[in-house]
Amino acid sequence: MNKQADPRRVARLVSRAQKALEEELDARLAPFDITAAQYVVLSALHGGRANIAAQICKELSYSPGAMTRMLNRLEQKGMIQKGPSAANRRTVQLELTEEGRRLFPSLLEASGTVIEQYFGTFSTQELHALEALLLKMFAGK
């Protein structure tokens, strides 16, 4: 029997996969008092993909208000610091603190453990196929 694929079922599975990854990452990062969402911000700063709140908001699809609250929590935890931008005085530059840089390798290791747990059984070919399908889904968006 040739069963028709159900896009709604696929959407639910993608959503379920994202939730499972986030929950597992939250659990692995709990000993560091960092959430999965906070880790993504720290990773963006560490990797040089962003250094101002607006860039991080765009990368993560966060609202400016939610991002401000998250950045304030990370600053209170001593993980990031804010300062004026040399290029534009109205822009706040973000960077990891010394503590943030010190802790990041442990956070990265926890993330790697979660990624290996969920994707470690996939062959290289399967990962390429999954990546291609996800990129196709976002093409032109």
N, C-alpha and C. Protein backbone atom coordinates (compact mmCIF):
# COMPACT_ATOMS: atom_id res chain seq x y z
N MET A 1 0.85 -1.18 0.00
CA MET A 1 0.00 0.00 0.00
C MET A 1 0.89 1.24 0.00
N ASN A 2 0.59 2.20 -0.86
CA ASN A 2 1.36 3.42 -0.98
C ASN A 2 0.68 4.51 -0.14
N LYS A 3 1.21 4.74 1.04
CA LYS A 3 0.63 5.71 1.97
C LYS A 3 1.15 7.11 1.64
N GLN A 4 0.25 8.07 1.53
CA GLN A 4 0.59 9.47 1.25
C GLN A 4 1.28 10.08 2.47
N ALA A 5 2.37 10.82 2.24
CA ALA A 5 3.07 11.52 3.31
C ALA A 5 2.19 12.64 3.85
N ASP A 6 2.23 12.85 5.14
CA ASP A 6 1.42 13.88 5.78
C ASP A 6 2.34 14.99 6.28
N PRO A 7 2.31 16.17 5.63
CA PRO A 7 3.18 17.27 6.06
C PRO A 7 2.94 17.68 7.52
N ARG A 8 1.71 17.56 7.99
CA ARG A 8 1.41 17.91 9.38
C ARG A 8 2.15 16.98 10.34
N ARG A 9 2.20 15.70 9.99
CA ARG A 9 2.92 14.73 10.83
C ARG A 9 4.41 15.05 10.85
N VAL A 10 4.96 15.40 9.69
CA VAL A 10 6.37 15.78 9.61
C VAL A 10 6.62 17.03 10.46
N ALA A 11 5.73 18.02 10.37
CA ALA A 11 5.87 19.24 11.18
C ALA A 11 5.85 18.91 12.67
N ARG A 12 4.96 18.01 13.07
CA ARG A 12 4.91 17.62 14.49
C ARG A 12 6.20 16.94 14.91
N LEU A 13 6.74 16.09 14.05
CA LEU A 13 8.00 15.40 14.37
C LEU A 13 9.17 16.38 14.47
N VAL A 14 9.23 17.37 13.58
CA VAL A 14 10.28 18.38 13.65
C VAL A 14 10.15 19.16 14.96
N SER A 15 8.94 19.54 15.31
CA SER A 15 8.70 20.26 16.56
C SER A 15 9.08 19.40 17.77
N ARG A 16 8.70 18.14 17.72
CA ARG A 16 9.03 17.21 18.81
C ARG A 16 10.55 17.04 18.95
N ALA A 17 11.25 16.97 17.81
CA ALA A 17 12.71 16.83 17.83
C ALA A 17 13.36 18.07 18.44
N GLN A 18 12.88 19.25 18.05
CA GLN A 18 13.43 20.49 18.61
C GLN A 18 13.21 20.54 20.12
N LYS A 19 12.02 20.19 20.55
CA LYS A 19 11.70 20.21 21.99
C LYS A 19 12.58 19.22 22.75
N ALA A 20 12.77 18.02 22.21
CA ALA A 20 13.59 17.01 22.87
C ALA A 20 15.04 17.48 22.98
N LEU A 21 15.57 18.07 21.91
CA LEU A 21 16.94 18.59 21.93
C LEU A 21 17.09 19.69 22.98
N GLU A 22 16.13 20.62 23.02
CA GLU A 22 16.19 21.72 23.98
C GLU A 22 16.09 21.20 25.42
N GLU A 23 15.19 20.26 25.66
CA GLU A 23 15.03 19.73 27.02
C GLU A 23 16.29 18.99 27.47
N GLU A 24 16.87 18.19 26.58
CA GLU A 24 18.09 17.46 26.93
C GLU A 24 19.26 18.43 27.15
N LEU A 25 19.35 19.45 26.32
CA LEU A 25 20.41 20.44 26.49
C LEU A 25 20.22 21.21 27.80
N ASP A 26 18.98 21.58 28.11
CA ASP A 26 18.69 22.23 29.41
C ASP A 26 19.19 21.36 30.56
N ALA A 27 18.91 20.06 30.50
CA ALA A 27 19.32 19.14 31.56
C ALA A 27 20.85 19.06 31.66
N ARG A 28 21.53 19.00 30.53
CA ARG A 28 23.00 18.92 30.53
C ARG A 28 23.67 20.21 30.99
N LEU A 29 23.00 21.34 30.76
CA LEU A 29 23.57 22.62 31.14
C LEU A 29 23.17 23.07 32.54
N ALA A 30 22.20 22.40 33.14
CA ALA A 30 21.71 22.78 34.48
C ALA A 30 22.84 22.90 35.52
N PRO A 31 23.81 22.00 35.53
CA PRO A 31 24.89 22.15 36.53
C PRO A 31 25.69 23.45 36.39
N PHE A 32 25.62 24.07 35.22
CA PHE A 32 26.33 25.32 34.97
C PHE A 32 25.44 26.55 35.18
N ASP A 33 24.16 26.31 35.55
CA ASP A 33 23.17 27.37 35.72
C ASP A 33 22.97 28.15 34.42
N ILE A 34 22.97 27.42 33.30
CA ILE A 34 22.76 28.00 31.98
C ILE A 34 21.65 27.21 31.29
N THR A 35 20.75 27.91 30.61
CA THR A 35 19.69 27.25 29.86
C THR A 35 20.13 27.05 28.41
N ALA A 36 19.39 26.23 27.69
CA ALA A 36 19.69 26.02 26.27
C ALA A 36 19.62 27.34 25.50
N ALA A 37 18.62 28.15 25.78
CA ALA A 37 18.47 29.43 25.09
C ALA A 37 19.66 30.35 25.40
N GLN A 38 20.10 30.36 26.65
CA GLN A 38 21.25 31.18 27.02
C GLN A 38 22.52 30.66 26.34
N TYR A 39 22.63 29.35 26.24
CA TYR A 39 23.79 28.75 25.57
C TYR A 39 23.87 29.22 24.11
N VAL A 40 22.75 29.29 23.44
CA VAL A 40 22.74 29.70 22.03
C VAL A 40 23.26 31.14 21.91
N VAL A 41 22.89 32.00 22.84
CA VAL A 41 23.39 33.38 22.84
C VAL A 41 24.90 33.39 23.09
N LEU A 42 25.35 32.63 24.09
CA LEU A 42 26.78 32.56 24.38
C LEU A 42 27.56 32.01 23.19
N SER A 43 26.98 31.03 22.52
CA SER A 43 27.62 30.43 21.36
C SER A 43 27.74 31.44 20.22
N ALA A 44 26.71 32.23 20.00
CA ALA A 44 26.75 33.26 18.95
C ALA A 44 27.84 34.27 19.24
N LEU A 45 27.99 34.66 20.51
CA LEU A 45 29.04 35.61 20.89
C LEU A 45 30.41 34.95 20.76
N HIS A 46 30.54 33.74 21.26
CA HIS A 46 31.82 33.03 21.22
C HIS A 46 32.29 32.79 19.79
N GLY A 47 31.35 32.43 18.92
CA GLY A 47 31.69 32.12 17.53
C GLY A 47 31.84 33.34 16.64
N GLY A 48 31.57 34.52 17.17
CA GLY A 48 31.70 35.74 16.38
C GLY A 48 30.58 35.96 15.38
N ARG A 49 29.47 35.19 15.54
CA ARG A 49 28.34 35.37 14.62
C ARG A 49 27.53 36.60 14.95
N ALA A 50 27.71 37.14 16.14
CA ALA A 50 26.96 38.32 16.56
C ALA A 50 27.72 39.00 17.70
N ASN A 51 27.54 40.32 17.81
CA ASN A 51 28.10 41.03 18.95
C ASN A 51 27.21 42.18 19.41
N ILE A 52 26.01 42.25 18.84
CA ILE A 52 25.00 43.19 19.32
C ILE A 52 23.67 42.46 19.43
N ALA A 53 22.79 42.97 20.28
CA ALA A 53 21.52 42.31 20.56
C ALA A 53 20.69 42.10 19.30
N ALA A 54 20.66 43.09 18.42
CA ALA A 54 19.83 42.98 17.21
C ALA A 54 20.27 41.81 16.34
N GLN A 55 21.58 41.58 16.23
CA GLN A 55 22.07 40.45 15.45
C GLN A 55 21.64 39.13 16.07
N ILE A 56 21.72 39.04 17.39
CA ILE A 56 21.32 37.80 18.07
C ILE A 56 19.83 37.59 17.94
N CYS A 57 19.05 38.65 18.07
CA CYS A 57 17.59 38.55 17.89
C CYS A 57 17.27 37.98 16.51
N LYS A 58 17.95 38.47 15.50
CA LYS A 58 17.71 38.01 14.13
C LYS A 58 18.08 36.54 13.98
N GLU A 59 19.23 36.15 14.53
CA GLU A 59 19.68 34.76 14.41
C GLU A 59 18.75 33.80 15.13
N LEU A 60 18.20 34.22 16.28
CA LEU A 60 17.39 33.33 17.11
C LEU A 60 15.90 33.55 16.97
N SER A 61 15.49 34.55 16.22
CA SER A 61 14.08 34.90 16.09
C SER A 61 13.45 35.22 17.45
N TYR A 62 14.16 36.01 18.24
CA TYR A 62 13.67 36.45 19.54
C TYR A 62 13.16 37.88 19.41
N SER A 63 12.22 38.24 20.27
CA SER A 63 11.76 39.62 20.32
C SER A 63 12.83 40.44 21.06
N PRO A 64 12.91 41.73 20.76
CA PRO A 64 13.89 42.57 21.46
C PRO A 64 13.70 42.56 22.98
N GLY A 65 12.45 42.54 23.44
CA GLY A 65 12.20 42.52 24.89
C GLY A 65 12.70 41.25 25.55
N ALA A 66 12.41 40.11 24.92
CA ALA A 66 12.89 38.82 25.46
C ALA A 66 14.40 38.76 25.43
N MET A 67 15.01 39.30 24.38
CA MET A 67 16.47 39.28 24.28
C MET A 67 17.08 40.16 25.37
N THR A 68 16.50 41.32 25.61
CA THR A 68 17.01 42.21 26.67
C THR A 68 16.99 41.50 28.02
N ARG A 69 15.89 40.82 28.33
CA ARG A 69 15.80 40.09 29.60
C ARG A 69 16.85 38.99 29.68
N MET A 70 17.04 38.26 28.59
CA MET A 70 18.02 37.18 28.59
C MET A 70 19.44 37.74 28.76
N LEU A 71 19.75 38.81 28.04
CA LEU A 71 21.08 39.41 28.16
C LEU A 71 21.32 39.95 29.56
N ASN A 72 20.29 40.51 30.18
CA ASN A 72 20.42 40.99 31.56
C ASN A 72 20.72 39.84 32.51
N ARG A 73 20.05 38.69 32.32
CA ARG A 73 20.31 37.52 33.17
C ARG A 73 21.74 37.01 32.97
N LEU A 74 22.19 36.96 31.73
CA LEU A 74 23.56 36.51 31.45
C LEU A 74 24.59 37.48 32.03
N GLU A 75 24.27 38.77 32.01
CA GLU A 75 25.16 39.76 32.60
C GLU A 75 25.20 39.60 34.12
N GLN A 76 24.04 39.36 34.74
CA GLN A 76 23.98 39.14 36.19
C GLN A 76 24.76 37.89 36.60
N LYS A 77 24.79 36.88 35.74
CA LYS A 77 25.53 35.65 36.01
C LYS A 77 27.03 35.82 35.76
N GLY A 78 27.41 36.98 35.23
CA GLY A 78 28.82 37.24 34.97
C GLY A 78 29.34 36.57 33.71
N MET A 79 28.45 36.22 32.79
CA MET A 79 28.85 35.52 31.57
C MET A 79 29.12 36.47 30.39
N ILE A 80 28.45 37.62 30.38
CA ILE A 80 28.66 38.59 29.31
C ILE A 80 28.83 39.97 29.92
N GLN A 81 29.39 40.84 29.12
CA GLN A 81 29.45 42.25 29.52
C GLN A 81 29.00 43.10 28.35
N LYS A 82 28.43 44.24 28.70
CA LYS A 82 27.94 45.18 27.70
C LYS A 82 28.82 46.42 27.73
N GLY A 83 29.01 47.01 26.58
CA GLY A 83 29.79 48.24 26.49
C GLY A 83 29.41 49.01 25.26
N PRO A 84 29.82 50.25 25.19
CA PRO A 84 29.49 51.06 24.01
C PRO A 84 30.26 50.57 22.79
N SER A 85 29.61 50.68 21.66
CA SER A 85 30.24 50.31 20.39
C SER A 85 31.15 51.44 19.95
N ALA A 86 32.31 51.09 19.43
CA ALA A 86 33.23 52.10 18.91
C ALA A 86 32.66 52.74 17.65
N ALA A 87 31.88 51.99 16.89
CA ALA A 87 31.33 52.48 15.63
C ALA A 87 30.10 53.35 15.81
N ASN A 88 29.29 53.07 16.85
CA ASN A 88 28.02 53.77 17.03
C ASN A 88 27.73 53.86 18.52
N ARG A 89 27.77 55.05 19.09
CA ARG A 89 27.59 55.22 20.54
C ARG A 89 26.23 54.74 21.03
N ARG A 90 25.22 54.72 20.16
CA ARG A 90 23.89 54.28 20.57
C ARG A 90 23.77 52.77 20.60
N THR A 91 24.73 52.06 20.05
CA THR A 91 24.71 50.60 20.00
C THR A 91 25.51 50.03 21.16
N VAL A 92 24.94 49.01 21.79
CA VAL A 92 25.62 48.33 22.89
C VAL A 92 26.33 47.10 22.34
N GLN A 93 27.61 47.05 22.56
CA GLN A 93 28.44 45.92 22.14
C GLN A 93 28.40 44.85 23.23
N LEU A 94 28.31 43.57 22.82
CA LEU A 94 28.27 42.46 23.76
C LEU A 94 29.51 41.61 23.59
N GLU A 95 30.01 41.07 24.69
CA GLU A 95 31.12 40.14 24.61
C GLU A 95 31.11 39.24 25.83
N LEU A 96 31.72 38.07 25.68
CA LEU A 96 31.85 37.16 26.80
C LEU A 96 32.83 37.75 27.81
N THR A 97 32.54 37.54 29.07
CA THR A 97 33.48 37.92 30.11
C THR A 97 34.57 36.86 30.19
N GLU A 98 35.55 37.09 31.02
CA GLU A 98 36.58 36.08 31.24
C GLU A 98 35.94 34.79 31.75
N GLU A 99 34.96 34.91 32.65
CA GLU A 99 34.25 33.73 33.17
C GLU A 99 33.48 33.03 32.06
N GLY A 100 32.85 33.79 31.19
CA GLY A 100 32.12 33.22 30.06
C GLY A 100 33.05 32.45 29.13
N ARG A 101 34.21 33.03 28.85
CA ARG A 101 35.19 32.35 27.99
C ARG A 101 35.75 31.10 28.69
N ARG A 102 35.93 31.16 29.99
CA ARG A 102 36.45 30.02 30.74
C ARG A 102 35.45 28.87 30.75
N LEU A 103 34.18 29.19 30.92
CA LEU A 103 33.14 28.16 31.04
C LEU A 103 32.69 27.61 29.68
N PHE A 104 32.86 28.38 28.61
CA PHE A 104 32.30 27.98 27.32
C PHE A 104 32.73 26.59 26.85
N PRO A 105 33.99 26.18 26.98
CA PRO A 105 34.35 24.83 26.53
C PRO A 105 33.53 23.72 27.21
N SER A 106 33.20 23.89 28.47
CA SER A 106 32.36 22.90 29.16
C SER A 106 30.94 22.92 28.61
N LEU A 107 30.43 24.09 28.28
CA LEU A 107 29.09 24.20 27.69
C LEU A 107 29.07 23.57 26.31
N LEU A 108 30.12 23.81 25.55
CA LEU A 108 30.24 23.23 24.22
C LEU A 108 30.31 21.71 24.29
N GLU A 109 31.01 21.19 25.27
CA GLU A 109 31.09 19.74 25.46
C GLU A 109 29.72 19.16 25.78
N ALA A 110 28.95 19.84 26.65
CA ALA A 110 27.60 19.38 26.97
C ALA A 110 26.72 19.38 25.73
N SER A 111 26.84 20.42 24.92
CA SER A 111 26.07 20.50 23.67
C SER A 111 26.47 19.37 22.73
N GLY A 112 27.76 19.11 22.62
CA GLY A 112 28.24 18.03 21.76
C GLY A 112 27.71 16.68 22.19
N THR A 113 27.59 16.47 23.50
CA THR A 113 27.04 15.22 24.02
C THR A 113 25.60 15.04 23.58
N VAL A 114 24.83 16.11 23.63
CA VAL A 114 23.42 16.05 23.21
C VAL A 114 23.33 15.80 21.70
N ILE A 115 24.15 16.48 20.94
CA ILE A 115 24.13 16.29 19.49
C ILE A 115 24.50 14.86 19.14
N GLU A 116 25.51 14.33 19.79
CA GLU A 116 25.92 12.95 19.54
C GLU A 116 24.82 11.98 19.93
N GLN A 117 24.15 12.26 21.04
CA GLN A 117 23.06 11.40 21.51
C GLN A 117 21.94 11.30 20.47
N TYR A 118 21.61 12.42 19.85
CA TYR A 118 20.48 12.43 18.91
C TYR A 118 20.87 12.14 17.46
N PHE A 119 22.08 12.50 17.08
CA PHE A 119 22.47 12.35 15.67
C PHE A 119 23.59 11.34 15.45
N GLY A 120 24.12 10.77 16.52
CA GLY A 120 25.25 9.87 16.42
C GLY A 120 24.99 8.58 15.67
N THR A 121 23.75 8.17 15.58
CA THR A 121 23.43 6.93 14.88
C THR A 121 23.17 7.16 13.39
N PHE A 122 23.15 8.42 12.96
CA PHE A 122 22.93 8.74 11.56
C PHE A 122 24.23 8.56 10.79
N SER A 123 24.13 8.03 9.58
CA SER A 123 25.30 7.95 8.71
C SER A 123 25.57 9.35 8.15
N THR A 124 26.76 9.53 7.61
CA THR A 124 27.10 10.80 6.96
C THR A 124 26.10 11.10 5.85
N GLN A 125 25.74 10.10 5.10
CA GLN A 125 24.78 10.27 4.00
C GLN A 125 23.42 10.72 4.54
N GLU A 126 22.97 10.11 5.62
CA GLU A 126 21.69 10.49 6.22
C GLU A 126 21.72 11.92 6.73
N LEU A 127 22.82 12.32 7.36
CA LEU A 127 22.94 13.70 7.85
C LEU A 127 22.93 14.69 6.70
N HIS A 128 23.64 14.36 5.62
CA HIS A 128 23.62 15.24 4.44
C HIS A 128 22.20 15.35 3.87
N ALA A 129 21.49 14.23 3.81
CA ALA A 129 20.12 14.25 3.28
C ALA A 129 19.20 15.08 4.17
N LEU A 130 19.30 14.90 5.48
CA LEU A 130 18.47 15.67 6.42
C LEU A 130 18.79 17.15 6.30
N GLU A 131 20.06 17.49 6.26
CA GLU A 131 20.46 18.88 6.12
C GLU A 131 19.92 19.47 4.82
N ALA A 132 20.03 18.73 3.73
CA ALA A 132 19.54 19.22 2.43
C ALA A 132 18.03 19.45 2.46
N LEU A 133 17.31 18.55 3.09
CA LEU A 133 15.85 18.70 3.18
C LEU A 133 15.48 19.91 4.02
N LEU A 134 16.17 20.12 5.13
CA LEU A 134 15.87 21.27 5.98
C LEU A 134 16.23 22.58 5.27
N LEU A 135 17.36 22.60 4.56
CA LEU A 135 17.71 23.78 3.80
C LEU A 135 16.70 24.06 2.69
N LYS A 136 16.21 23.02 2.06
CA LYS A 136 15.20 23.18 1.02
C LYS A 136 13.92 23.77 1.61
N MET A 137 13.59 23.36 2.83
CA MET A 137 12.39 23.87 3.49
C MET A 137 12.49 25.38 3.71
N PHE A 138 13.71 25.88 3.98
CA PHE A 138 13.89 27.29 4.27
C PHE A 138 14.33 28.11 3.07
N ALA A 139 14.54 27.47 1.94
CA ALA A 139 14.97 28.20 0.74
C ALA A 139 13.93 29.26 0.36
N GLY A 140 14.42 30.44 0.15
CA GLY A 140 13.54 31.52 -0.27
C GLY A 140 12.73 32.15 0.86
N LYS A 141 12.97 31.74 2.07
CA LYS A 141 12.22 32.32 3.21
C LYS A 141 12.99 33.43 3.85
